[in-house]
Amino acid sequence: MKRLTLAPHRLYFFLGALSLLVLFSWWWLYLQSGRTLAVPLHALIMPLGVFPLFILGFTFTAGPRWLGVEADDHDFLLHGGTYFCGLLLVLLASMLGWLPLRTSGFALMLSAWLAVTWRWGSLVRQSRSGDKKHALGIAVAMCGGAAALGCAVLWSMGWHAAWGVARQLAFFGFLLPVFLTVCHRMLPFFSSNVLVPYTAWRPSWLLALWLAACYLLALAGSLGIWLLEVFAASTLCLSFAYTSWRWGLFRCLQNRLLAMLHLSFAWLSIVFGLQALTALGMEMGSAAIHALGLGFMGTMLVGFVSRVTYGHSGRPLQASNGLWALYLGLHLAALLRVIASVWALPQLLTWSASLWLLLLLLWVAQMLPVYLRARADGQPG
């Protein structure tokens, strides 16, 4: 277990993988129980529980290199453990029906997130790098995460209007800006390392457009401004389709580990096409948000974390047949969930949740031992 303290990604990815299993098991058991589903809690705890620990693992591993600063000691054991314990308290409270415990859980998550946001902001301030746009993009998004968690605390305390704001901020003020910032920097970089010849295309205006549209969506969703939502979603839909083409989606299919990132990114055009149609009044249920959370973010998480885990453990950057099949299965599970929303088919919802849980169990079983072992190449970290 001491190896978890050797590098931030080891601990954060380890706890993130455990969070995945705990959250998807909790939701699967709810679906099987026949009890009234805890949909409002599900809509907050899944995005705020599944992704943040993985985000921290990547940010505090790759981020200092972007900034050209040293970040050896940032109390990641304390921060990661506090966030994970808060998550467990929230889930325990949902089973016991004790709201003060749920509020305490969200407050613990918020306190840990405020600490890591401050730490990341300190690294950005210390940096003398000439290009800090990606680091700043993540810093602003982390502030959005703190705001989302703050609203979750208020909702848990009884201010029901805070739920909608927390949900909008979680997806469009926090998670999506982080994912897009990392994709903007890393997908062209990874592609240029594999494909020859390849021209890395990542203009600054593109990232600015994406982030501005994200925050417009958060504003439009919180205030119910449907016309603004249609505009922002349509703009994103078109820009993501063009970007997938410019980044060489079909060329990238020749390398599985790279293809995993680009296939996940391709979901974004579907996501925001669905969101634009929903904002225009078409009956889509929760199809757009599940296409975003599962189709894009869920599959991208598996692809990205797998690549980072292999790279930082000294293992070959290759996707085995098992990992490739598992990854494609997650796309199928996401598609089933989207169809279940569009056509209101509860049985498909259960099938999707069962498939997600099974595939995540298999993936986590591959990843967890890596974080507990020494690097395969004998290097430190």
Protein backbone atom coordinates (compact mmCIF):
# COMPACT_ATOMS: atom_id res chain seq x y z
CA MET A 1 0.00 0.00 0.00
CA LYS A 2 2.99 2.33 0.46
CA ARG A 3 3.28 2.56 -3.31
CA LEU A 4 0.05 4.56 -3.39
CA THR A 5 1.98 7.45 -1.84
CA LEU A 6 4.73 7.43 -4.47
CA ALA A 7 2.86 9.53 -7.04
CA PRO A 8 -0.46 11.43 -7.09
CA HIS A 9 -1.95 9.38 -9.92
CA ARG A 10 -1.48 6.13 -7.98
CA LEU A 11 -3.63 7.19 -5.02
CA TYR A 12 -6.17 9.27 -6.92
CA PHE A 13 -6.70 6.64 -9.63
CA PHE A 14 -6.91 3.90 -6.98
CA LEU A 15 -9.59 5.77 -5.01
CA GLY A 16 -11.31 6.80 -8.24
CA ALA A 17 -11.57 3.17 -9.32
CA LEU A 18 -13.04 2.23 -5.95
CA SER A 19 -15.52 5.13 -6.26
CA LEU A 20 -16.60 3.82 -9.66
CA LEU A 21 -17.41 0.40 -8.24
CA VAL A 22 -19.14 1.77 -5.16
CA LEU A 23 -21.32 4.22 -7.10
CA PHE A 24 -22.34 1.90 -9.92
CA SER A 25 -23.03 -0.91 -7.42
CA TRP A 26 -25.15 1.46 -5.32
CA TRP A 27 -27.19 2.52 -8.34
CA TRP A 28 -27.56 -1.03 -9.66
CA LEU A 29 -28.87 -2.20 -6.28
CA TYR A 30 -31.37 0.68 -6.26
CA LEU A 31 -32.64 -0.39 -9.67
CA GLN A 32 -33.09 -3.97 -8.48
CA SER A 33 -34.70 -3.08 -5.16
CA GLY A 34 -38.01 -1.77 -6.48
CA ARG A 35 -37.76 1.21 -4.12
CA THR A 36 -38.43 4.75 -5.26
CA LEU A 37 -35.29 5.71 -7.12
CA ALA A 38 -33.12 8.42 -5.62
CA VAL A 39 -32.96 10.27 -8.93
CA PRO A 40 -32.06 13.75 -7.56
CA LEU A 41 -29.18 12.30 -5.55
CA HIS A 42 -28.13 10.07 -8.45
CA ALA A 43 -27.97 13.10 -10.75
CA LEU A 44 -25.47 14.82 -8.43
CA ILE A 45 -23.44 12.07 -6.81
CA MET A 46 -22.63 10.21 -10.01
CA PRO A 47 -20.87 13.10 -11.79
CA LEU A 48 -19.40 14.51 -8.58
CA GLY A 49 -18.33 11.07 -7.33
CA VAL A 50 -17.10 9.25 -10.44
CA PHE A 51 -14.83 11.79 -12.13
CA PRO A 52 -13.13 14.24 -9.71
CA LEU A 53 -10.59 11.84 -8.19
CA PHE A 54 -9.44 10.76 -11.66
CA ILE A 55 -9.21 14.43 -12.66
CA LEU A 56 -6.94 15.11 -9.69
CA GLY A 57 -4.76 12.12 -10.55
CA PHE A 58 -4.12 13.45 -14.03
CA THR A 59 -3.92 17.14 -13.11
CA PHE A 60 -1.30 16.74 -10.38
CA THR A 61 0.74 14.30 -12.45
CA ALA A 62 0.81 16.03 -15.84
CA GLY A 63 -0.06 19.56 -14.76
CA PRO A 64 3.22 20.48 -13.03
CA ARG A 65 5.06 19.47 -16.21
CA TRP A 66 2.85 21.78 -18.24
CA LEU A 67 3.68 24.58 -15.83
CA GLY A 68 7.36 23.79 -15.35
CA VAL A 69 7.06 23.69 -11.54
CA GLU A 70 7.85 21.19 -8.79
CA ALA A 71 4.90 19.73 -6.89
CA ASP A 72 6.29 16.94 -4.75
CA ASP A 73 4.25 17.56 -1.62
CA HIS A 74 0.61 18.50 -1.94
CA ASP A 75 -1.05 16.30 0.72
CA PHE A 76 -2.77 14.16 -1.90
CA LEU A 77 -3.31 11.35 0.63
CA LEU A 78 -5.26 13.68 2.92
CA HIS A 79 -7.24 15.33 0.15
CA GLY A 80 -8.06 12.12 -1.72
CA GLY A 81 -9.00 10.27 1.45
CA THR A 82 -11.23 13.12 2.63
CA TYR A 83 -13.07 13.31 -0.70
CA PHE A 84 -13.57 9.54 -0.80
CA CYS A 85 -14.84 9.42 2.79
CA GLY A 86 -17.31 12.22 2.02
CA LEU A 87 -18.61 10.22 -0.92
CA LEU A 88 -19.09 7.14 1.28
CA LEU A 89 -20.98 9.22 3.86
CA VAL A 90 -23.36 10.52 1.19
CA LEU A 91 -24.14 6.99 0.02
CA LEU A 92 -24.50 5.69 3.58
CA ALA A 93 -26.91 8.52 4.34
CA SER A 94 -28.99 7.60 1.28
CA MET A 95 -29.42 4.08 2.64
CA LEU A 96 -30.15 5.19 6.21
CA GLY A 97 -32.32 8.15 5.22
CA TRP A 98 -30.39 10.50 7.53
CA LEU A 99 -30.09 13.87 5.82
CA PRO A 100 -27.59 15.49 8.25
CA LEU A 101 -25.15 12.70 7.43
CA ARG A 102 -25.64 13.34 3.71
CA THR A 103 -24.94 17.04 4.24
CA SER A 104 -21.79 16.19 6.18
CA GLY A 105 -20.65 13.98 3.32
CA PHE A 106 -21.08 16.71 0.73
CA ALA A 107 -19.35 19.17 3.09
CA LEU A 108 -16.35 16.84 3.38
CA MET A 109 -16.16 16.55 -0.41
CA LEU A 110 -16.36 20.34 -0.70
CA SER A 111 -13.60 20.91 1.88
CA ALA A 112 -11.26 18.52 0.07
CA TRP A 113 -12.05 20.09 -3.27
CA LEU A 114 -11.43 23.61 -2.00
CA ALA A 115 -8.02 22.47 -0.75
CA VAL A 116 -6.94 20.93 -4.06
CA THR A 117 -8.31 23.90 -6.01
CA TRP A 118 -6.23 26.24 -3.87
CA ARG A 119 -3.21 24.00 -4.36
CA TRP A 120 -3.62 23.96 -8.14
CA GLY A 121 -4.12 27.71 -8.20
CA SER A 122 -0.88 28.13 -6.23
CA LEU A 123 1.02 26.08 -8.81
CA VAL A 124 -0.43 28.16 -11.64
CA ARG A 125 0.60 31.37 -9.87
CA GLN A 126 4.14 30.06 -9.26
CA SER A 127 4.64 29.07 -12.88
CA ARG A 128 6.68 31.22 -15.24
CA SER A 129 5.50 29.27 -18.29
CA GLY A 130 4.59 31.34 -21.31
CA ASP A 131 1.58 29.17 -22.12
CA LYS A 132 -0.76 28.61 -19.19
CA LYS A 133 -4.09 28.56 -21.00
CA HIS A 134 -4.79 24.88 -20.31
CA ALA A 135 -3.74 25.17 -16.67
CA LEU A 136 -5.93 28.26 -16.25
CA GLY A 137 -8.83 26.50 -17.98
CA ILE A 138 -8.60 23.68 -15.45
CA ALA A 139 -8.29 26.14 -12.56
CA VAL A 140 -11.49 27.95 -13.55
CA ALA A 141 -13.28 24.63 -14.02
CA MET A 142 -12.14 23.47 -10.56
CA CYS A 143 -13.73 26.61 -9.13
CA GLY A 144 -16.90 25.54 -10.94
CA GLY A 145 -16.59 22.17 -9.20
CA ALA A 146 -16.36 23.90 -5.83
CA ALA A 147 -19.48 25.91 -6.68
CA ALA A 148 -21.32 22.72 -7.72
CA LEU A 149 -20.39 21.01 -4.45
CA GLY A 150 -21.41 24.11 -2.50
CA CYS A 151 -24.83 24.00 -4.16
CA ALA A 152 -25.05 20.28 -3.39
CA VAL A 153 -24.51 21.10 0.29
CA LEU A 154 -27.28 23.73 0.14
CA TRP A 155 -29.64 21.29 -1.60
CA SER A 156 -28.94 18.65 1.03
CA MET A 157 -29.75 21.20 3.72
CA GLY A 158 -33.17 21.77 2.19
CA TRP A 159 -32.75 24.53 -0.38
CA HIS A 160 -34.35 22.63 -3.26
CA ALA A 161 -33.68 25.31 -5.89
CA ALA A 162 -29.95 24.65 -5.49
CA TRP A 163 -30.29 21.17 -7.04
CA GLY A 164 -30.76 22.41 -10.59
CA VAL A 165 -27.87 24.85 -10.30
CA ALA A 166 -25.61 22.14 -8.83
CA ARG A 167 -26.44 19.79 -11.71
CA GLN A 168 -25.75 22.42 -14.37
CA LEU A 169 -22.50 23.48 -12.73
CA ALA A 170 -21.34 19.89 -12.22
CA PHE A 171 -21.57 19.10 -15.93
CA PHE A 172 -21.11 22.41 -17.74
CA GLY A 173 -19.23 24.53 -15.23
CA PHE A 174 -16.85 21.82 -14.07
CA LEU A 175 -16.55 18.40 -15.73
CA LEU A 176 -17.02 19.25 -19.40
CA PRO A 177 -14.58 22.22 -19.29
CA VAL A 178 -11.96 19.97 -17.68
CA PHE A 179 -12.47 17.18 -20.23
CA LEU A 180 -12.37 19.59 -23.17
CA THR A 181 -9.29 21.40 -21.89
CA VAL A 182 -7.42 18.11 -21.54
CA CYS A 183 -8.64 16.85 -24.91
CA HIS A 184 -7.56 20.08 -26.61
CA ARG A 185 -4.05 19.70 -25.29
CA MET A 186 -3.55 15.93 -25.24
CA LEU A 187 -5.41 14.35 -28.17
CA PRO A 188 -3.37 16.14 -30.87
CA PHE A 189 -0.23 15.45 -28.82
CA PHE A 190 -0.94 11.72 -28.47
CA SER A 191 -1.93 11.52 -32.14
CA SER A 192 1.29 13.18 -33.31
CA ASN A 193 3.29 10.59 -31.33
CA VAL A 194 1.59 7.72 -33.18
CA LEU A 195 0.66 8.93 -36.66
CA VAL A 196 3.25 9.98 -39.23
CA PRO A 197 2.88 12.44 -40.81
CA TYR A 198 0.48 14.31 -38.52
CA THR A 199 -0.08 18.02 -37.98
CA ALA A 200 -1.26 18.83 -34.46
CA TRP A 201 -4.17 21.26 -34.73
CA ARG A 202 -5.25 22.93 -31.50
CA PRO A 203 -5.81 26.67 -31.97
CA SER A 204 -6.38 28.75 -28.86
CA TRP A 205 -9.62 30.18 -30.24
CA LEU A 206 -11.10 26.67 -30.38
CA LEU A 207 -10.55 26.07 -26.67
CA ALA A 208 -11.93 29.55 -25.88
CA LEU A 209 -15.05 28.77 -27.96
CA TRP A 210 -15.61 25.46 -26.19
CA LEU A 211 -15.22 26.88 -22.71
CA ALA A 212 -17.41 29.91 -23.42
CA ALA A 213 -20.15 27.63 -24.77
CA CYS A 214 -19.90 25.42 -21.67
CA TYR A 215 -20.45 28.34 -19.33
CA LEU A 216 -23.29 29.63 -21.51
CA LEU A 217 -24.93 26.21 -21.20
CA ALA A 218 -24.57 26.30 -17.41
CA LEU A 219 -26.16 29.75 -17.37
CA ALA A 220 -28.94 28.83 -19.81
CA GLY A 221 -29.77 25.61 -17.96
CA SER A 222 -29.85 27.31 -14.55
CA LEU A 223 -32.06 30.18 -15.74
CA GLY A 224 -34.16 28.24 -18.26
CA ILE A 225 -33.12 30.33 -21.30
CA TRP A 226 -33.89 27.76 -24.00
CA LEU A 227 -32.84 29.90 -26.98
CA LEU A 228 -29.36 30.40 -25.50
CA GLU A 229 -29.14 26.67 -24.83
CA VAL A 230 -30.03 25.87 -28.44
CA PHE A 231 -27.41 28.30 -29.72
CA ALA A 232 -24.61 27.02 -27.46
CA ALA A 233 -25.44 23.34 -28.02
CA SER A 234 -25.67 23.74 -31.80
CA THR A 235 -22.36 25.60 -31.90
CA LEU A 236 -20.67 22.84 -29.91
CA CYS A 237 -22.22 20.10 -32.03
CA LEU A 238 -20.83 21.56 -35.25
CA SER A 239 -17.43 22.42 -33.78
CA PHE A 240 -16.93 18.91 -32.40
CA ALA A 241 -17.85 17.28 -35.72
CA TYR A 242 -15.32 19.50 -37.51
CA THR A 243 -12.65 18.89 -34.85
CA SER A 244 -13.04 15.10 -35.07
CA TRP A 245 -12.42 15.40 -38.80
CA ARG A 246 -9.42 17.73 -38.37
CA TRP A 247 -7.93 15.43 -35.72
CA GLY A 248 -8.09 12.46 -38.08
CA LEU A 249 -10.69 10.25 -36.43
CA PHE A 250 -10.51 7.51 -39.05
CA ARG A 251 -6.71 7.55 -39.28
CA CYS A 252 -6.52 7.11 -35.52
CA LEU A 253 -8.43 3.83 -35.70
CA GLN A 254 -5.23 2.05 -36.72
CA ASN A 255 -3.97 2.30 -33.11
CA ARG A 256 -6.40 0.96 -30.50
CA LEU A 257 -5.24 3.01 -27.52
CA LEU A 258 -5.40 6.19 -29.60
CA ALA A 259 -8.70 5.15 -31.20
CA MET A 260 -10.23 4.84 -27.72
CA LEU A 261 -9.72 8.56 -27.16
CA HIS A 262 -10.98 9.68 -30.55
CA LEU A 263 -14.05 7.40 -30.56
CA SER A 264 -15.06 8.79 -27.18
CA PHE A 265 -14.57 12.35 -28.44
CA ALA A 266 -16.86 11.55 -31.39
CA TRP A 267 -19.77 11.20 -28.94
CA LEU A 268 -19.76 14.95 -28.38
CA SER A 269 -21.47 15.77 -31.68
CA ILE A 270 -24.25 13.32 -30.75
CA VAL A 271 -24.48 14.74 -27.23
CA PHE A 272 -25.04 18.32 -28.29
CA GLY A 273 -27.22 17.44 -31.22
CA LEU A 274 -29.51 15.71 -28.71
CA GLN A 275 -29.30 18.66 -26.33
CA ALA A 276 -30.21 21.16 -29.03
CA LEU A 277 -33.22 19.04 -30.03
CA THR A 278 -34.28 18.70 -26.40
CA ALA A 279 -34.06 22.46 -25.87
CA LEU A 280 -36.23 22.93 -28.96
CA GLY A 281 -38.95 20.89 -27.28
CA MET A 282 -38.46 17.38 -28.62
CA GLU A 283 -39.15 14.58 -26.13
CA MET A 284 -35.73 13.08 -25.46
CA GLY A 285 -35.90 12.51 -21.71
CA SER A 286 -32.41 12.47 -20.20
CA ALA A 287 -30.80 11.18 -23.42
CA ALA A 288 -28.42 14.13 -23.85
CA ILE A 289 -27.05 14.11 -20.30
CA HIS A 290 -26.53 10.34 -20.36
CA ALA A 291 -24.87 10.53 -23.76
CA LEU A 292 -22.55 13.10 -22.18
CA GLY A 293 -21.94 11.35 -18.86
CA LEU A 294 -21.69 7.79 -20.15
CA GLY A 295 -21.05 7.99 -23.89
CA PHE A 296 -18.39 10.70 -23.81
CA MET A 297 -17.11 11.08 -20.25
CA GLY A 298 -17.45 7.46 -19.15
CA THR A 299 -15.74 5.92 -22.16
CA MET A 300 -13.14 8.70 -22.32
CA LEU A 301 -12.34 8.07 -18.66
CA VAL A 302 -11.60 4.41 -19.34
CA GLY A 303 -9.55 5.21 -22.45
CA PHE A 304 -7.58 8.05 -20.92
CA VAL A 305 -6.93 6.48 -17.52
CA SER A 306 -5.83 3.24 -19.20
CA ARG A 307 -3.32 5.13 -21.34
CA VAL A 308 -1.97 7.20 -18.44
CA THR A 309 -1.79 4.13 -16.20
CA TYR A 310 0.21 2.18 -18.78
CA GLY A 311 2.47 5.12 -19.55
CA HIS A 312 3.25 5.93 -15.90
CA SER A 313 3.78 2.29 -14.91
CA GLY A 314 6.39 1.60 -17.58
CA ARG A 315 4.13 -0.72 -19.56
CA PRO A 316 3.70 -0.82 -23.35
CA LEU A 317 1.18 1.66 -24.72
CA GLN A 318 -0.97 -1.04 -26.29
CA ALA A 319 -4.59 -2.02 -25.76
CA SER A 320 -5.04 -5.77 -25.37
CA ASN A 321 -7.92 -7.62 -27.01
CA GLY A 322 -9.64 -7.75 -23.63
CA LEU A 323 -9.36 -4.01 -22.97
CA TRP A 324 -10.49 -3.20 -26.50
CA ALA A 325 -13.56 -5.45 -26.22
CA LEU A 326 -14.35 -4.01 -22.78
CA TYR A 327 -14.09 -0.47 -24.12
CA LEU A 328 -16.40 -1.17 -27.07
CA GLY A 329 -18.84 -2.81 -24.67
CA LEU A 330 -19.03 0.43 -22.71
CA HIS A 331 -20.14 2.23 -25.88
CA LEU A 332 -22.91 -0.33 -26.29
CA ALA A 333 -23.98 0.14 -22.67
CA ALA A 334 -24.04 3.92 -23.15
CA LEU A 335 -26.09 3.56 -26.33
CA LEU A 336 -28.62 1.36 -24.51
CA ARG A 337 -28.99 4.04 -21.82
CA VAL A 338 -29.55 6.76 -24.41
CA ILE A 339 -32.16 4.65 -26.22
CA ALA A 340 -33.84 3.91 -22.88
CA SER A 341 -34.26 7.68 -22.37
CA VAL A 342 -35.48 8.48 -25.87
CA TRP A 343 -38.11 5.73 -25.98
CA ALA A 344 -38.77 5.49 -22.23
CA LEU A 345 -37.84 1.79 -21.95
CA PRO A 346 -37.12 0.98 -18.26
CA GLN A 347 -35.87 -2.51 -19.08
CA LEU A 348 -33.07 -1.09 -21.21
CA LEU A 349 -32.07 1.13 -18.30
CA THR A 350 -31.55 -1.98 -16.15
CA TRP A 351 -29.65 -3.78 -18.90
CA SER A 352 -27.39 -0.77 -19.40
CA ALA A 353 -26.66 -0.45 -15.67
CA SER A 354 -25.89 -4.16 -15.41
CA LEU A 355 -23.56 -4.07 -18.39
CA TRP A 356 -21.79 -0.97 -17.09
CA LEU A 357 -21.24 -2.56 -13.69
CA LEU A 358 -19.91 -5.80 -15.17
CA LEU A 359 -17.53 -4.06 -17.57
CA LEU A 360 -16.28 -1.66 -14.91
CA LEU A 361 -15.59 -4.56 -12.58
CA LEU A 362 -13.44 -6.15 -15.28
CA TRP A 363 -11.64 -2.88 -16.01
CA VAL A 364 -10.97 -2.04 -12.36
CA ALA A 365 -9.65 -5.58 -11.84
CA GLN A 366 -7.02 -4.79 -14.50
CA MET A 367 -6.13 -1.34 -13.19
CA LEU A 368 -6.02 -1.63 -9.38
CA PRO A 369 -3.06 -4.05 -9.17
CA VAL A 370 -0.97 -1.70 -11.33
CA TYR A 371 -1.20 1.08 -8.72
CA LEU A 372 0.04 -1.31 -6.02
CA ARG A 373 3.08 -2.57 -7.94
CA ALA A 374 6.42 -1.06 -8.84
CA ARG A 375 6.88 0.32 -12.33
CA ALA A 376 7.62 -2.38 -14.87
CA ASP A 377 10.64 -0.44 -16.21
CA GLY A 378 12.23 0.04 -12.78
CA GLN A 379 11.88 3.84 -12.88
CA PRO A 380 10.69 5.79 -9.81
CA GLY A 381 7.09 6.96 -9.49
